[in-house]
């Protein structure tokens, strides 16, 4: 795999994914507003709590997803790899795992719904049905993991973009029609389950038609099973700790402040995921090549992709994060209409969490490619468990939800630092290079653009037109700052080459 091939593939896939992002991000935010309007704060909070119960199953699904994605991509990057063997082994193991997940959710999940969470009595029947539908969706998604891994390993981002757009359109249509029904919480659960199942079917049909490796055989390779088992075991242990902490936060909020703040937290998570998806479009384009370059022992190219990828992730977050922080309350009113109490503060904190996750994703993929993941995945997650007792005591002492979300942000940042410390110990990356090539230029760009955006916020009116002008002007200023201070010489050449290609294409048309 040549360096030139890497650049061309990244550029092509990034453009495809941004077309998808521009549409899906806007529609997702509108969908959230409709969900809040149709369900109300209480039912939206109930749905979030039920989702957190099923989310406990990601202790299994998250670990096996990481393992299957890593080994299928790694195998496809080798010149003599047998991807079909990995695919079939993975799928057969997942069939067995799905049975275990189903049994656990039907026992532990149902118990938690009735005895461990605070749900209003009039919503309990609908919540019970939503739980069953969510369990079905979880099992279907689990079985689809190897198919999704094939799409990513082959870097077919055109298919990913089209199916993603279909998913958000179906979701929006489902939410838009909620007003026609009475028991909206139950109907919402049915519709979300139906959309998830339809999308999974599309992925599987596409893989069977496009990839020879998707041809199923009842094969379980012992050596491959051993490797998958070891990777999955460590990843699952990490996921178990992560789920305890992340879902534990939901229960801490429920115990201390009730379902209303659960709904606010759920809104902030949707905002975080929407902003994060903006930056992770680039990551989806470079992720397979991080693993493949390591598999082919192209270490220098591997480092360049990781450093440039981490930096670009931060820059893409800045395009949304910096204007958002200077117009948070106004944007939240435009988005939600009636803004729940504390939603503005939770939203501001959510963008910082987005930055932390986006900046670290390429580094995480580099470590997963090495298969040396034990300390890297376990130690930081144990540290993050402190977020629950700290959040609980802060909530009880101050009685203010804002203090709780501040604790969550602080713990996310500290955990990211610990993860990076262990990452450089097992991967080809270095601490000095990360500081010099990622942290320093990213911080410089953020400081300079924040100053400009602050001045713009003082000059321009707090209206829709004022915000649009500020956002557009800030984009131009941010691009200039990135090109001047945020890129090295080789990265500038790539950008100039891309601009030249776009100009040439326009002239031909």
Protein backbone atom coordinates (compact mmCIF):
# COMPACT_ATOMS: atom_id res chain seq x y z
CA UNK A 1 0.00 0.00 0.00
CA UNK A 2 1.76 3.14 -1.17
CA UNK A 3 1.71 6.44 0.63
CA UNK A 4 0.10 8.02 -2.43
CA UNK A 5 -2.69 5.43 -2.30
CA UNK A 6 -3.30 6.23 1.35
CA UNK A 7 -3.70 9.95 0.66
CA UNK A 8 -6.04 9.48 -2.29
CA UNK A 9 -8.22 7.00 -0.45
CA UNK A 10 -8.44 9.20 2.64
CA UNK A 11 -9.40 12.26 0.57
CA UNK A 12 -12.04 10.36 -1.41
CA UNK A 13 -13.62 8.73 1.64
CA UNK A 14 -13.52 11.94 3.66
CA UNK A 15 -15.44 13.82 0.97
CA UNK A 16 -18.05 11.06 0.78
CA UNK A 17 -18.49 11.03 4.53
CA UNK A 18 -18.81 14.80 4.78
CA UNK A 19 -21.63 14.82 2.28
CA UNK A 20 -23.32 12.28 4.50
CA UNK A 21 -22.48 14.26 7.64
CA UNK A 22 -23.90 17.58 6.41
CA UNK A 23 -27.26 15.91 5.93
CA UNK A 24 -27.37 13.51 8.89
CA UNK A 25 -26.13 15.95 11.52
CA UNK A 26 -28.78 18.54 10.67
CA UNK A 27 -31.57 15.95 10.53
CA UNK A 28 -30.45 14.28 13.79
CA UNK A 29 -30.62 17.59 15.66
CA UNK A 30 -34.09 18.27 14.27
CA UNK A 31 -35.14 14.74 15.23
CA UNK A 32 -34.05 15.35 18.83
CA UNK A 33 -36.24 18.43 18.98
CA UNK A 34 -39.23 16.45 17.71
CA UNK A 35 -38.59 13.64 20.21
CA UNK A 36 -38.56 16.13 23.08
CA UNK A 37 -41.73 17.82 21.79
CA UNK A 38 -43.65 14.55 21.23
CA UNK A 39 -42.49 12.54 24.24
CA UNK A 40 -41.95 15.30 26.76
CA UNK A 41 -39.14 15.55 29.27
CA UNK A 42 -40.43 12.71 31.48
CA UNK A 43 -40.95 10.04 28.79
CA UNK A 44 -37.69 11.02 27.07
CA UNK A 45 -35.94 10.50 30.40
CA UNK A 46 -37.65 7.11 30.81
CA UNK A 47 -36.48 6.04 27.34
CA UNK A 48 -32.94 7.11 28.23
CA UNK A 49 -33.00 5.06 31.44
CA UNK A 50 -34.30 1.95 29.62
CA UNK A 51 -31.62 2.46 26.98
CA UNK A 52 -29.01 2.55 29.73
CA UNK A 53 -30.18 -0.84 31.02
CA UNK A 54 -29.78 -2.42 27.57
CA UNK A 55 -26.56 -0.46 27.20
CA UNK A 56 -25.12 -2.72 29.88
CA UNK A 57 -24.95 -5.40 27.18
CA UNK A 58 -22.25 -3.40 25.42
CA UNK A 59 -19.94 -4.93 28.00
CA UNK A 60 -20.05 -7.88 25.58
CA UNK A 61 -20.85 -6.21 22.27
CA UNK A 62 -18.21 -3.51 22.64
CA UNK A 63 -15.43 -6.01 23.31
CA UNK A 64 -16.31 -8.32 20.44
CA UNK A 65 -16.82 -5.36 18.07
CA UNK A 66 -13.30 -4.10 18.76
CA UNK A 67 -11.86 -7.57 18.30
CA UNK A 68 -13.70 -8.43 15.08
CA UNK A 69 -13.01 -5.03 13.52
CA UNK A 70 -9.34 -5.19 14.39
CA UNK A 71 -8.71 -8.73 13.11
CA UNK A 72 -10.76 -8.44 9.91
CA UNK A 73 -9.06 -5.14 9.01
CA UNK A 74 -5.63 -6.48 9.99
CA UNK A 75 -6.15 -9.63 7.91
CA UNK A 76 -7.36 -7.67 4.87
CA UNK A 77 -4.24 -5.50 5.11
CA UNK A 78 -1.91 -8.50 4.82
CA UNK A 79 -0.82 -9.62 1.35
CA UNK A 80 -1.52 -13.28 2.22
CA UNK A 81 -4.47 -12.79 4.59
CA UNK A 82 -7.50 -15.10 4.81
CA UNK A 83 -10.30 -12.68 5.65
CA UNK A 84 -13.09 -15.23 5.10
CA UNK A 85 -11.65 -17.48 7.82
CA UNK A 86 -11.66 -14.59 10.30
CA UNK A 87 -15.17 -13.56 9.22
CA UNK A 88 -16.70 -17.03 9.63
CA UNK A 89 -14.96 -17.69 12.93
CA UNK A 90 -16.15 -14.33 14.24
CA UNK A 91 -19.74 -14.84 13.13
CA UNK A 92 -20.00 -18.32 14.68
CA UNK A 93 -18.65 -17.07 17.99
CA UNK A 94 -21.09 -14.14 17.91
CA UNK A 95 -24.05 -16.50 17.39
CA UNK A 96 -23.21 -18.12 20.73
CA UNK A 97 -22.58 -14.77 22.41
CA UNK A 98 -25.94 -13.40 21.27
CA UNK A 99 -27.71 -16.20 23.15
CA UNK A 100 -25.82 -15.29 26.33
CA UNK A 101 -26.63 -11.58 25.93
CA UNK A 102 -30.33 -12.35 25.38
CA UNK A 103 -30.55 -14.46 28.54
CA UNK A 104 -28.73 -11.86 30.66
CA UNK A 105 -30.88 -8.97 29.48
CA UNK A 106 -34.09 -10.92 29.98
CA UNK A 107 -33.11 -11.69 33.56
CA UNK A 108 -30.86 -8.95 34.93
CA UNK A 109 -32.31 -6.23 32.68
CA UNK A 110 -35.93 -6.91 33.64
CA UNK A 111 -34.98 -7.03 37.33
CA UNK A 112 -33.22 -3.65 37.09
CA UNK A 113 -36.20 -2.09 35.32
CA UNK A 114 -38.62 -3.02 38.10
CA UNK A 115 -36.42 -2.74 41.18
CA UNK A 116 -33.36 -0.55 40.51
CA UNK A 117 -34.47 2.57 38.64
CA UNK A 118 -36.85 5.42 39.35
CA UNK A 119 -39.61 5.32 36.69
CA UNK A 120 -43.10 6.85 37.10
CA UNK A 121 -45.81 4.21 37.61
CA UNK A 122 -47.88 5.37 34.65
CA UNK A 123 -44.90 4.79 32.30
CA UNK A 124 -43.87 1.36 33.59
CA UNK A 125 -45.91 -0.74 31.15
CA UNK A 126 -44.58 1.14 28.12
CA UNK A 127 -41.05 1.02 29.55
CA UNK A 128 -41.33 -2.78 29.88
CA UNK A 129 -42.24 -3.14 26.20
CA UNK A 130 -39.49 -0.70 25.18
CA UNK A 131 -37.01 -2.87 27.07
CA UNK A 132 -38.09 -5.97 25.11
CA UNK A 133 -37.80 -4.14 21.80
CA UNK A 134 -34.38 -2.81 22.77
CA UNK A 135 -33.20 -6.33 23.63
CA UNK A 136 -34.28 -7.54 20.18
CA UNK A 137 -32.44 -4.66 18.52
CA UNK A 138 -29.32 -5.36 20.59
CA UNK A 139 -29.19 -9.01 19.47
CA UNK A 140 -29.69 -8.09 15.80
CA UNK A 141 -26.92 -5.49 15.99
CA UNK A 142 -24.61 -8.00 17.64
CA UNK A 143 -25.03 -10.56 14.85
CA UNK A 144 -24.34 -7.83 12.27
CA UNK A 145 -20.92 -6.88 13.68
CA UNK A 146 -18.79 -8.93 11.22
CA UNK A 147 -20.70 -7.51 8.25
CA UNK A 148 -20.14 -3.94 9.38
CA UNK A 149 -16.47 -4.75 9.96
CA UNK A 150 -16.14 -5.92 6.34
CA UNK A 151 -17.55 -2.63 5.01
CA UNK A 152 -15.06 -0.62 7.07
CA UNK A 153 -12.11 -2.92 6.31
CA UNK A 154 -12.75 -2.55 2.56
CA UNK A 155 -13.14 1.22 3.05
CA UNK A 156 -16.48 1.27 1.20
CA UNK A 157 -17.52 4.60 2.65
CA UNK A 158 -19.93 5.23 -0.23
CA UNK A 159 -22.12 2.37 1.02
CA UNK A 160 -21.68 3.51 4.61
CA UNK A 161 -22.77 7.05 3.67
CA UNK A 162 -25.87 5.93 1.75
CA UNK A 163 -27.06 3.51 4.46
CA UNK A 164 -26.42 6.09 7.19
CA UNK A 165 -28.51 8.67 5.35
CA UNK A 166 -31.28 6.10 4.97
CA UNK A 167 -31.16 5.40 8.71
CA UNK A 168 -31.55 9.05 9.76
CA UNK A 169 -34.34 9.59 7.20
CA UNK A 170 -36.27 6.58 8.53
CA UNK A 171 -35.70 7.74 12.11
CA UNK A 172 -36.90 11.24 11.31
CA UNK A 173 -40.02 9.92 9.56
CA UNK A 174 -40.79 7.70 12.54
CA UNK A 175 -40.41 10.56 15.04
CA UNK A 176 -42.38 12.96 12.82
CA UNK A 177 -45.39 10.64 12.88
CA UNK A 178 -45.35 10.20 16.68
CA UNK A 179 -47.93 12.95 17.11
CA UNK A 180 -50.50 10.68 15.40
CA UNK A 181 -50.40 8.14 18.26
CA UNK A 182 -51.49 8.09 21.90
CA UNK A 183 -49.02 5.83 23.71
CA UNK A 184 -46.03 7.62 22.21
CA UNK A 185 -43.30 6.07 24.35
CA UNK A 186 -44.29 2.55 23.27
CA UNK A 187 -44.74 3.55 19.62
CA UNK A 188 -41.34 5.29 19.66
CA UNK A 189 -39.71 2.10 20.96
CA UNK A 190 -41.37 0.00 18.22
CA UNK A 191 -40.30 2.40 15.49
CA UNK A 192 -36.68 2.64 16.67
CA UNK A 193 -36.42 -1.15 16.80
CA UNK A 194 -37.87 -1.46 13.29
CA UNK A 195 -35.43 1.11 11.88
CA UNK A 196 -32.43 -0.65 13.46
CA UNK A 197 -33.47 -4.05 12.09
CA UNK A 198 -34.05 -2.66 8.57
CA UNK A 199 -30.60 -1.03 8.54
CA UNK A 200 -28.91 -4.23 9.74
CA UNK A 201 -30.58 -6.16 6.90
CA UNK A 202 -29.30 -3.63 4.35
CA UNK A 203 -25.72 -4.03 5.61
CA UNK A 204 -25.87 -7.80 5.40
CA UNK A 205 -27.38 -7.86 1.90
CA UNK A 206 -24.73 -5.42 0.67
CA UNK A 207 -21.88 -7.52 2.09
CA UNK A 208 -23.17 -10.74 0.54
CA UNK A 209 -23.33 -9.14 -2.90
CA UNK A 210 -20.04 -7.20 -2.76
CA UNK A 211 -17.55 -9.23 -0.72
CA UNK A 212 -16.49 -12.83 -1.31
CA UNK A 213 -15.32 -12.97 2.31
CA UNK A 214 -18.96 -12.69 3.45
CA UNK A 215 -19.70 -16.22 2.18
CA UNK A 216 -20.67 -18.08 5.35
CA UNK A 217 -19.20 -21.46 6.33
CA UNK A 218 -19.42 -23.22 9.67
CA UNK A 219 -15.74 -22.86 10.47
CA UNK A 220 -14.04 -22.05 13.74
CA UNK A 221 -10.27 -21.75 13.40
CA UNK A 222 -8.67 -22.62 16.75
CA UNK A 223 -5.73 -20.23 16.43
CA UNK A 224 -7.96 -17.41 15.27
CA UNK A 225 -10.42 -18.20 18.05
CA UNK A 226 -7.59 -17.98 20.58
CA UNK A 227 -6.50 -14.58 19.29
CA UNK A 228 -10.07 -13.31 19.14
CA UNK A 229 -10.76 -14.64 22.62
CA UNK A 230 -7.75 -12.95 24.16
CA UNK A 231 -8.48 -9.61 22.50
CA UNK A 232 -12.20 -9.83 23.28
CA UNK A 233 -11.51 -10.78 26.90
CA UNK A 234 -9.38 -7.72 27.56
CA UNK A 235 -11.68 -5.45 25.56
CA UNK A 236 -14.74 -6.87 27.31
CA UNK A 237 -13.19 -6.35 30.74
CA UNK A 238 -12.46 -2.75 29.78
CA UNK A 239 -15.98 -2.38 28.39
CA UNK A 240 -17.47 -3.81 31.59
CA UNK A 241 -15.72 -1.18 33.68
CA UNK A 242 -16.62 1.51 31.15
CA UNK A 243 -20.29 0.53 31.14
CA UNK A 244 -20.41 0.48 34.93
CA UNK A 245 -19.07 4.04 35.01
CA UNK A 246 -20.97 5.52 32.05
CA UNK A 247 -24.31 3.89 32.82
CA UNK A 248 -23.66 4.39 36.51
CA UNK A 249 -23.66 8.14 35.85
CA UNK A 250 -27.19 7.80 34.47
CA UNK A 251 -28.32 6.05 37.65
CA UNK A 252 -26.53 8.62 39.85
CA UNK A 253 -28.44 11.37 38.05
CA UNK A 254 -31.68 9.39 38.42
CA UNK A 255 -31.16 8.84 42.16
CA UNK A 256 -30.12 12.42 42.93
CA UNK A 257 -32.12 14.60 40.51
CA UNK A 258 -34.78 12.38 38.82
CA UNK A 259 -35.84 11.72 35.23
CA UNK A 260 -35.98 15.43 34.28
CA UNK A 261 -32.19 15.76 34.58
CA UNK A 262 -31.86 12.32 32.94
CA UNK A 263 -33.57 13.88 29.92
CA UNK A 264 -31.19 16.88 30.01
CA UNK A 265 -28.20 14.54 30.22
CA UNK A 266 -29.61 12.49 27.33
CA UNK A 267 -29.93 15.67 25.23
CA UNK A 268 -26.31 16.58 26.00
CA UNK A 269 -25.19 13.08 24.96
CA UNK A 270 -27.03 13.43 21.65
CA UNK A 271 -25.35 16.79 21.11
CA UNK A 272 -21.98 15.26 21.96
CA UNK A 273 -22.54 12.40 19.52
CA UNK A 274 -23.68 14.78 16.76
CA UNK A 275 -20.60 16.99 17.16
CA UNK A 276 -18.36 13.96 17.48
CA UNK A 277 -19.75 12.48 14.27
CA UNK A 278 -18.65 15.65 12.46
CA UNK A 279 -15.01 14.97 13.36
CA UNK A 280 -15.14 11.18 13.20
CA UNK A 281 -16.02 11.27 9.51
CA UNK A 282 -12.30 11.79 8.92
CA UNK A 283 -11.50 9.03 11.39
CA UNK A 284 -13.70 6.54 9.55
CA UNK A 285 -11.67 7.32 6.44
CA UNK A 286 -8.27 6.82 8.11
CA UNK A 287 -9.06 4.11 10.68
CA UNK A 288 -8.61 1.07 8.38
CA UNK A 289 -5.31 2.47 7.07
CA UNK A 290 -3.94 2.92 10.59
CA UNK A 291 -4.40 -0.82 11.12
CA UNK A 292 -3.31 -1.86 7.62
CA UNK A 293 -0.08 0.17 7.65
CA UNK A 294 0.85 -1.44 10.96
CA UNK A 295 0.00 -4.90 9.58
CA UNK A 296 2.36 -4.27 6.62
CA UNK A 297 5.06 -2.86 8.93
CA UNK A 298 4.84 0.62 7.33
CA UNK A 299 5.61 2.23 10.69
CA UNK A 300 6.58 5.72 9.50
CA UNK A 301 3.40 6.02 7.42
CA UNK A 302 1.48 4.66 10.40
CA UNK A 303 2.82 7.43 12.65
CA UNK A 304 2.07 10.15 10.13
CA UNK A 305 -1.54 9.03 9.77
CA UNK A 306 -2.07 8.90 13.54
CA UNK A 307 -0.50 12.30 14.29
CA UNK A 308 -2.19 14.07 11.40
CA UNK A 309 -5.48 12.29 12.12
CA UNK A 310 -5.53 13.29 15.80
CA UNK A 311 -4.77 16.89 14.92
CA UNK A 312 -7.41 17.05 12.19
CA UNK A 313 -9.98 15.55 14.56
CA UNK A 314 -9.40 18.47 16.94
CA UNK A 315 -9.60 21.06 14.15
CA UNK A 316 -12.90 19.69 12.90
CA UNK A 317 -14.37 19.87 16.40
CA UNK A 318 -13.20 23.52 16.63
CA UNK A 319 -15.40 24.49 13.66
CA UNK A 320 -18.47 23.72 15.77
CA UNK A 321 -17.20 23.95 19.33
CA UNK A 322 -15.79 27.49 19.38
CA UNK A 323 -18.81 29.31 17.83
CA UNK A 324 -21.12 27.13 19.93
CA UNK A 325 -19.49 28.20 23.20
CA UNK A 326 -20.07 31.89 22.40
CA UNK A 327 -23.73 31.38 21.41
CA UNK A 328 -24.77 28.34 23.45
CA UNK A 329 -28.03 29.64 24.91
CA UNK A 330 -29.20 31.07 21.57
CA UNK A 331 -28.40 27.83 19.70
CA UNK A 332 -30.16 25.69 22.31
CA UNK A 333 -33.32 27.79 21.96
CA UNK A 334 -33.20 27.43 18.17
CA UNK A 335 -32.65 23.68 18.49
CA UNK A 336 -35.12 22.71 21.23
CA UNK A 337 -37.55 25.59 21.35
CA UNK A 338 -38.30 25.31 25.07
CA UNK A 339 -34.96 24.63 26.74
CA UNK A 340 -35.09 22.51 29.94
CA UNK A 341 -33.30 23.81 33.02
CA UNK A 342 -29.53 23.14 33.05
CA UNK A 343 -29.55 22.06 29.38
CA UNK A 344 -27.32 24.98 28.36
CA UNK A 345 -24.62 24.15 30.91
CA UNK A 346 -24.75 20.44 30.11
CA UNK A 347 -24.44 21.24 26.40
CA UNK A 348 -21.34 23.41 26.91
CA UNK A 349 -19.66 20.61 28.82
CA UNK A 350 -20.68 18.06 26.17
CA UNK A 351 -18.59 19.80 23.50
CA UNK A 352 -15.45 19.46 25.63
CA UNK A 353 -16.13 15.74 26.02
CA UNK A 354 -16.50 15.52 22.22
CA UNK A 355 -13.08 17.10 21.77
CA UNK A 356 -11.47 14.61 24.17
CA UNK A 357 -12.94 11.59 22.39
CA UNK A 358 -12.17 12.86 18.88
CA UNK A 359 -8.57 13.78 19.65
CA UNK A 360 -7.82 10.36 21.12
CA UNK A 361 -9.51 8.01 18.61
CA UNK A 362 -6.56 7.66 16.15
CA UNK A 363 -4.22 6.97 19.08
CA UNK A 364 -6.58 4.30 20.38
CA UNK A 365 -6.72 2.62 16.95
CA UNK A 366 -2.93 2.57 16.80
CA UNK A 367 -2.81 0.68 20.09
CA UNK A 368 -5.52 -1.78 19.01
CA UNK A 369 -3.50 -2.52 15.86
CA UNK A 370 -0.55 -3.69 18.01
CA UNK A 371 -2.73 -6.18 19.96
CA UNK A 372 -0.88 -5.05 23.14
CA UNK A 373 -3.92 -3.69 24.88
CA UNK A 374 -4.20 -5.04 28.45
CA UNK A 375 -2.89 -2.16 30.59
CA UNK A 376 -3.97 0.43 28.05
CA UNK A 377 -7.61 -0.67 28.24
CA UNK A 378 -7.93 -1.71 31.88
CA UNK A 379 -6.04 0.80 34.05
CA UNK A 380 -7.63 4.04 32.76
CA UNK A 381 -11.14 2.56 33.02
CA UNK A 382 -10.55 1.62 36.66
CA UNK A 383 -9.52 5.22 37.30
CA UNK A 384 -12.67 6.52 35.61
CA UNK A 385 -14.85 4.56 38.06
CA UNK A 386 -14.14 7.39 40.50
CA UNK A 387 -16.59 9.53 38.51
CA UNK A 388 -19.54 7.80 40.22
CA UNK A 389 -18.70 8.40 43.90
CA UNK A 390 -17.29 11.83 43.11
CA UNK A 391 -20.40 12.78 41.12
CA UNK A 392 -22.72 11.42 43.81
CA UNK A 393 -21.04 13.27 46.68
CA UNK A 394 -20.77 16.50 44.70
CA UNK A 395 -24.48 16.24 43.83
CA UNK A 396 -25.44 15.63 47.47
CA UNK A 397 -23.20 18.38 48.85
CA UNK A 398 -24.07 21.14 46.37
CA UNK A 399 -27.43 19.87 45.13
CA UNK A 400 -26.58 21.35 41.73
CA UNK A 401 -26.54 19.27 38.50
CA UNK A 402 -23.96 21.66 36.96
CA UNK A 403 -21.32 20.52 39.46
CA UNK A 404 -21.98 16.92 38.43
CA UNK A 405 -21.38 17.55 34.71
CA UNK A 406 -18.21 19.51 35.53
CA UNK A 407 -16.91 16.48 37.44
CA UNK A 408 -17.69 14.25 34.43
CA UNK A 409 -15.74 16.54 32.07
CA UNK A 410 -12.77 16.71 34.42
CA UNK A 411 -12.63 12.94 34.78
CA UNK A 412 -12.84 12.47 30.99
CA UNK A 413 -9.82 14.73 30.48
CA UNK A 414 -7.74 13.06 33.21
CA UNK A 415 -8.59 9.59 31.89
CA UNK A 416 -7.52 10.62 28.39
CA UNK A 417 -4.12 11.67 29.76
CA UNK A 418 -3.70 8.29 31.47
CA UNK A 419 -4.70 6.44 28.28
CA UNK A 420 -2.10 8.38 26.31
CA UNK A 421 0.57 7.50 28.87
CA UNK A 422 -0.06 3.79 28.35
CA UNK A 423 -0.51 4.18 24.57
CA UNK A 424 3.03 5.41 23.97
CA UNK A 425 4.41 2.45 25.92
CA UNK A 426 3.05 -0.19 23.51
CA UNK A 427 2.62 1.62 20.16
CA UNK A 428 5.10 3.23 17.72
CA UNK A 429 3.98 6.67 18.96
CA UNK A 430 6.01 8.95 21.24
CA UNK A 431 5.02 11.44 23.94
CA UNK A 432 7.30 14.18 22.60
CA UNK A 433 5.88 13.82 19.09
CA UNK A 434 2.30 13.86 20.39
CA UNK A 435 2.95 17.10 22.29
CA UNK A 436 4.90 18.71 19.44
CA UNK A 437 2.79 17.49 16.50
CA UNK A 438 -0.70 17.30 18.04
CA UNK A 439 -1.18 19.11 21.37
CA UNK A 440 0.85 22.27 20.68
CA UNK A 441 -0.54 23.14 17.21
CA UNK A 442 -4.10 22.23 18.30
CA UNK A 443 -3.89 24.45 21.39
CA UNK A 444 -2.43 27.34 19.38
CA UNK A 445 -5.22 27.12 16.81
CA UNK A 446 -7.89 26.98 19.55
CA UNK A 447 -6.50 30.04 21.39
CA UNK A 448 -6.17 32.19 18.28
CA UNK A 449 -9.60 31.31 16.92
CA UNK A 450 -11.29 31.77 20.30
CA UNK A 451 -9.99 35.33 20.40
CA UNK A 452 -11.37 36.05 16.94
CA UNK A 453 -14.71 34.39 17.68
CA UNK A 454 -15.03 36.41 20.90
CA UNK A 455 -14.56 39.65 18.98
CA UNK A 456 -17.13 38.56 16.39
CA UNK A 457 -19.63 37.69 19.14
CA UNK A 458 -19.31 41.24 20.53
CA UNK A 459 -19.74 42.90 17.15
CA UNK A 460 -22.61 40.83 15.72
CA UNK A 461 -26.21 40.73 16.95
CA UNK A 462 -27.59 37.76 18.85
CA UNK A 463 -29.96 36.79 16.04
CA UNK A 464 -30.15 33.99 13.47
CA UNK A 465 -28.53 36.16 10.82
CA UNK A 466 -25.91 37.35 13.30
CA UNK A 467 -25.04 33.78 14.21
CA UNK A 468 -24.85 32.67 10.57
CA UNK A 469 -22.50 35.55 9.75
CA UNK A 470 -20.37 34.80 12.82
CA UNK A 471 -20.20 31.09 11.97
CA UNK A 472 -19.25 31.66 8.33
CA UNK A 473 -16.67 34.34 9.13
CA UNK A 474 -15.19 32.18 11.88
CA UNK A 475 -14.88 29.25 9.44
CA UNK A 476 -12.79 31.39 7.08
CA UNK A 477 -10.62 32.70 9.93
CA UNK A 478 -10.20 29.19 11.36
CA UNK A 479 -9.16 27.76 7.98
CA UNK A 480 -6.55 30.53 7.63
CA UNK A 481 -5.23 29.87 11.16
CA UNK A 482 -5.05 26.12 10.56
CA UNK A 483 -3.23 26.55 7.24
CA UNK A 484 -0.76 29.02 8.80
CA UNK A 485 -0.14 27.61 12.27
CA UNK A 486 -1.80 24.19 12.44
CA UNK A 487 -0.25 22.20 9.58
CA UNK A 488 3.27 21.11 8.76
CA UNK A 489 4.81 21.42 5.32
CA UNK A 490 3.74 18.02 3.99
CA UNK A 491 0.17 18.48 5.26
CA UNK A 492 -0.05 21.86 3.49
CA UNK A 493 1.07 20.22 0.25
CA UNK A 494 -1.73 17.67 0.54
CA UNK A 495 -4.28 20.46 1.11
CA UNK A 496 -2.99 22.48 -1.84
CA UNK A 497 -3.07 19.38 -4.04
CA UNK A 498 -6.67 18.73 -3.01
CA UNK A 499 -7.63 22.34 -3.81
CA UNK A 500 -5.97 22.03 -7.22
CA UNK A 501 -7.92 18.84 -7.96
CA UNK A 502 -11.20 20.49 -7.00
CA UNK A 503 -10.43 23.51 -9.20
CA UNK A 504 -9.51 21.24 -12.13
CA UNK A 505 -12.76 19.30 -11.72
CA UNK A 506 -14.80 22.52 -11.68
CA UNK A 507 -13.07 23.84 -14.82
CA UNK A 508 -13.74 20.59 -16.69
CA UNK A 509 -17.42 20.86 -15.88
